[in-house]
């Protein structure tokens, strides 16, 4: 009986990829906190995860021959291709920067905790699969 890793690992693998991408976005916001005119960005994690699952359901392992440069390739989008929105500030600044350091720090820390939780769950899944394979 073959093991399907996508079924065995569940939601945690794509969640880790999206959490890592969100950490990059939040870190970029924090790095540009003093840049005049910089607009803070963020992603809707739940919507992105749902979008990736919907794209994965439409994806069939079929080779697509493109006969013209303008043809669109088949398959699901890459995990790095996420839709980012602009964060609306609670209090606007004079220089047009929408980064609020406290909000960004809180979002970054919550994202880090969620990443760690998904990583721990994924680690437990691998330990369970390993013990099942070894017969313990």
C-alpha atoms as a PDB file:
ATOM      1  CA  UNK A   1       0.000   0.000   0.000  1.00  0.00           C
ATOM      2  CA  UNK A   2       1.497   3.317  -1.082  1.00  0.00           C
ATOM      3  CA  UNK A   3       1.659   6.300   1.261  1.00  0.00           C
ATOM      4  CA  UNK A   4       0.185   9.513  -0.091  1.00  0.00           C
ATOM      5  CA  UNK A   5       2.180  12.283   1.586  1.00  0.00           C
ATOM      6  CA  UNK A   6      -0.385  14.937   0.668  1.00  0.00           C
ATOM      7  CA  UNK A   7      -3.062  12.968   2.527  1.00  0.00           C
ATOM      8  CA  UNK A   8      -0.772  11.939   5.385  1.00  0.00           C
ATOM      9  CA  UNK A   9       0.617  15.426   6.043  1.00  0.00           C
ATOM     10  CA  UNK A  10      -2.637  17.271   5.585  1.00  0.00           C
ATOM     11  CA  UNK A  11      -2.787  21.031   5.669  1.00  0.00           C
ATOM     12  CA  UNK A  12       0.520  21.568   7.450  1.00  0.00           C
ATOM     13  CA  UNK A  13       2.901  21.478   4.463  1.00  0.00           C
ATOM     14  CA  UNK A  14       1.223  24.243   2.432  1.00  0.00           C
ATOM     15  CA  UNK A  15       0.549  26.135   5.667  1.00  0.00           C
ATOM     16  CA  UNK A  16       4.288  26.176   6.424  1.00  0.00           C
ATOM     17  CA  UNK A  17       5.062  27.514   2.967  1.00  0.00           C
ATOM     18  CA  UNK A  18       2.463  30.269   3.263  1.00  0.00           C
ATOM     19  CA  UNK A  19       3.578  31.167   6.795  1.00  0.00           C
ATOM     20  CA  UNK A  20       7.178  31.481   5.585  1.00  0.00           C
ATOM     21  CA  UNK A  21       6.055  33.738   2.729  1.00  0.00           C
ATOM     22  CA  UNK A  22       4.007  35.859   5.146  1.00  0.00           C
ATOM     23  CA  UNK A  23       7.019  36.179   7.453  1.00  0.00           C
ATOM     24  CA  UNK A  24       8.985  37.616   4.505  1.00  0.00           C
ATOM     25  CA  UNK A  25       6.240  40.156   3.813  1.00  0.00           C
ATOM     26  CA  UNK A  26       5.962  41.217   7.462  1.00  0.00           C
ATOM     27  CA  UNK A  27       9.752  41.465   7.810  1.00  0.00           C
ATOM     28  CA  UNK A  28       9.821  43.672   4.700  1.00  0.00           C
ATOM     29  CA  UNK A  29       7.211  45.919   6.307  1.00  0.00           C
ATOM     30  CA  UNK A  30       9.300  46.207   9.478  1.00  0.00           C
ATOM     31  CA  UNK A  31      12.462  46.913   7.489  1.00  0.00           C
ATOM     32  CA  UNK A  32      10.711  49.792   5.725  1.00  0.00           C
ATOM     33  CA  UNK A  33       9.071  51.310   8.806  1.00  0.00           C
ATOM     34  CA  UNK A  34      10.999  54.571   8.328  1.00  0.00           C
ATOM     35  CA  UNK A  35      10.780  54.759   4.521  1.00  0.00           C
ATOM     36  CA  UNK A  36       8.615  57.724   3.484  1.00  0.00           C
ATOM     37  CA  UNK A  37       5.645  56.697   1.371  1.00  0.00           C
ATOM     38  CA  UNK A  38       6.066  52.949   1.970  1.00  0.00           C
ATOM     39  CA  UNK A  39       2.773  51.057   2.021  1.00  0.00           C
ATOM     40  CA  UNK A  40       2.542  48.070   4.389  1.00  0.00           C
ATOM     41  CA  UNK A  41       1.454  44.806   2.745  1.00  0.00           C
ATOM     42  CA  UNK A  42      -0.038  41.626   4.106  1.00  0.00           C
ATOM     43  CA  UNK A  43      -1.870  38.530   2.929  1.00  0.00           C
ATOM     44  CA  UNK A  44      -5.101  36.916   4.015  1.00  0.00           C
ATOM     45  CA  UNK A  45      -3.707  33.560   5.142  1.00  0.00           C
ATOM     46  CA  UNK A  46      -7.019  31.684   5.149  1.00  0.00           C
ATOM     47  CA  UNK A  47      -8.006  32.953   1.693  1.00  0.00           C
ATOM     48  CA  UNK A  48      -4.587  32.062   0.255  1.00  0.00           C
ATOM     49  CA  UNK A  49      -4.694  28.563   1.714  1.00  0.00           C
ATOM     50  CA  UNK A  50      -8.180  28.039   0.286  1.00  0.00           C
ATOM     51  CA  UNK A  51      -7.024  29.387  -3.091  1.00  0.00           C
ATOM     52  CA  UNK A  52      -4.090  26.981  -3.172  1.00  0.00           C
ATOM     53  CA  UNK A  53      -6.316  24.029  -2.299  1.00  0.00           C
ATOM     54  CA  UNK A  54      -8.777  25.008  -5.030  1.00  0.00           C
ATOM     55  CA  UNK A  55      -5.910  25.293  -7.520  1.00  0.00           C
ATOM     56  CA  UNK A  56      -4.550  21.910  -6.421  1.00  0.00           C
ATOM     57  CA  UNK A  57      -7.956  20.286  -6.957  1.00  0.00           C
ATOM     58  CA  UNK A  58      -8.070  21.632 -10.524  1.00  0.00           C
ATOM     59  CA  UNK A  59      -4.525  20.427 -11.181  1.00  0.00           C
ATOM     60  CA  UNK A  60      -4.247  17.155 -13.031  1.00  0.00           C
ATOM     61  CA  UNK A  61      -0.888  15.545 -13.711  1.00  0.00           C
ATOM     62  CA  UNK A  62      -1.261  15.992 -17.445  1.00  0.00           C
ATOM     63  CA  UNK A  63       1.521  17.326 -19.617  1.00  0.00           C
ATOM     64  CA  UNK A  64       0.417  20.435 -21.470  1.00  0.00           C
ATOM     65  CA  UNK A  65       2.061  21.133 -24.821  1.00  0.00           C
ATOM     66  CA  UNK A  66       2.276  24.833 -25.540  1.00  0.00           C
ATOM     67  CA  UNK A  67       2.410  25.490 -29.257  1.00  0.00           C
ATOM     68  CA  UNK A  68       2.499  29.268 -28.939  1.00  0.00           C
ATOM     69  CA  UNK A  69       4.278  31.655 -26.555  1.00  0.00           C
ATOM     70  CA  UNK A  70       0.955  33.229 -25.581  1.00  0.00           C
ATOM     71  CA  UNK A  71      -0.567  29.951 -24.364  1.00  0.00           C
ATOM     72  CA  UNK A  72      -1.153  29.576 -20.648  1.00  0.00           C
ATOM     73  CA  UNK A  73       0.542  26.616 -18.983  1.00  0.00           C
ATOM     74  CA  UNK A  74      -1.413  24.112 -16.899  1.00  0.00           C
ATOM     75  CA  UNK A  75      -0.998  23.272 -13.262  1.00  0.00           C
ATOM     76  CA  UNK A  76      -1.358  24.938  -9.917  1.00  0.00           C
ATOM     77  CA  UNK A  77       0.391  28.157  -9.122  1.00  0.00           C
ATOM     78  CA  UNK A  78       3.611  28.224  -7.146  1.00  0.00           C
ATOM     79  CA  UNK A  79       3.493  28.868  -3.420  1.00  0.00           C
ATOM     80  CA  UNK A  80       5.463  32.091  -3.916  1.00  0.00           C
ATOM     81  CA  UNK A  81       2.630  33.464  -6.063  1.00  0.00           C
ATOM     82  CA  UNK A  82       0.374  34.917  -3.382  1.00  0.00           C
ATOM     83  CA  UNK A  83      -1.938  37.882  -3.593  1.00  0.00           C
ATOM     84  CA  UNK A  84      -0.896  40.665  -1.259  1.00  0.00           C
ATOM     85  CA  UNK A  85      -3.111  43.464  -0.088  1.00  0.00           C
ATOM     86  CA  UNK A  86      -2.292  46.797   1.468  1.00  0.00           C
ATOM     87  CA  UNK A  87      -2.709  47.175   5.213  1.00  0.00           C
ATOM     88  CA  UNK A  88      -4.981  50.019   6.288  1.00  0.00           C
ATOM     89  CA  UNK A  89      -3.299  51.918   9.147  1.00  0.00           C
ATOM     90  CA  UNK A  90      -5.092  52.727  12.396  1.00  0.00           C
ATOM     91  CA  UNK A  91      -3.391  56.115  12.450  1.00  0.00           C
ATOM     92  CA  UNK A  92      -1.939  57.665   9.300  1.00  0.00           C
ATOM     93  CA  UNK A  93       1.507  59.211   9.301  1.00  0.00           C
ATOM     94  CA  UNK A  94       2.593  62.549   7.868  1.00  0.00           C
ATOM     95  CA  UNK A  95       5.110  61.038   5.417  1.00  0.00           C
ATOM     96  CA  UNK A  96       2.591  58.581   3.879  1.00  0.00           C
ATOM     97  CA  UNK A  97       4.151  55.464   5.442  1.00  0.00           C
ATOM     98  CA  UNK A  98       1.462  52.994   6.553  1.00  0.00           C
ATOM     99  CA  UNK A  99       3.734  50.714   8.624  1.00  0.00           C
ATOM    100  CA  UNK A 100       2.753  50.626  12.284  1.00  0.00           C
ATOM    101  CA  UNK A 101       5.622  48.940  14.132  1.00  0.00           C
ATOM    102  CA  UNK A 102       3.493  47.559  16.973  1.00  0.00           C
ATOM    103  CA  UNK A 103       0.944  46.050  14.599  1.00  0.00           C
ATOM    104  CA  UNK A 104       3.689  44.527  12.435  1.00  0.00           C
ATOM    105  CA  UNK A 105       5.533  43.081  15.445  1.00  0.00           C
ATOM    106  CA  UNK A 106       2.324  41.532  16.777  1.00  0.00           C
ATOM    107  CA  UNK A 107       1.453  40.058  13.362  1.00  0.00           C
ATOM    108  CA  UNK A 108       5.011  38.747  12.945  1.00  0.00           C
ATOM    109  CA  UNK A 109       4.999  37.064  16.359  1.00  0.00           C
ATOM    110  CA  UNK A 110       1.560  35.493  15.827  1.00  0.00           C
ATOM    111  CA  UNK A 111       2.705  34.227  12.435  1.00  0.00           C
ATOM    112  CA  UNK A 112       5.877  32.797  14.031  1.00  0.00           C
ATOM    113  CA  UNK A 113       3.829  30.973  16.679  1.00  0.00           C
ATOM    114  CA  UNK A 114       1.464  29.594  14.032  1.00  0.00           C
ATOM    115  CA  UNK A 115       4.480  28.495  11.956  1.00  0.00           C
ATOM    116  CA  UNK A 116       5.940  26.717  14.977  1.00  0.00           C
ATOM    117  CA  UNK A 117       2.629  24.985  15.713  1.00  0.00           C
ATOM    118  CA  UNK A 118       2.328  23.741  12.125  1.00  0.00           C
ATOM    119  CA  UNK A 119       5.953  22.616  12.190  1.00  0.00           C
ATOM    120  CA  UNK A 120       5.395  20.664  15.413  1.00  0.00           C
ATOM    121  CA  UNK A 121       2.296  19.000  13.967  1.00  0.00           C
ATOM    122  CA  UNK A 122       4.172  18.118  10.792  1.00  0.00           C
ATOM    123  CA  UNK A 123       7.040  16.712  12.871  1.00  0.00           C
ATOM    124  CA  UNK A 124       4.591  14.526  14.830  1.00  0.00           C
ATOM    125  CA  UNK A 125       3.078  13.287  11.567  1.00  0.00           C
ATOM    126  CA  UNK A 126       6.540  12.269  10.313  1.00  0.00           C
ATOM    127  CA  UNK A 127       7.345  10.557  13.618  1.00  0.00           C
ATOM    128  CA  UNK A 128       4.051   8.666  13.396  1.00  0.00           C
ATOM    129  CA  UNK A 129       4.756   7.587   9.812  1.00  0.00           C
ATOM    130  CA  UNK A 130       8.290   6.571  10.772  1.00  0.00           C
ATOM    131  CA  UNK A 131       7.095   4.421  13.670  1.00  0.00           C
ATOM    132  CA  UNK A 132       4.403   2.860  11.463  1.00  0.00           C
ATOM    133  CA  UNK A 133       6.979   1.972   8.814  1.00  0.00           C
ATOM    134  CA  UNK A 134       9.424   0.523  11.336  1.00  0.00           C
ATOM    135  CA  UNK A 135       6.602  -1.446  13.009  1.00  0.00           C
ATOM    136  CA  UNK A 136       6.918   0.024  16.493  1.00  0.00           C
END
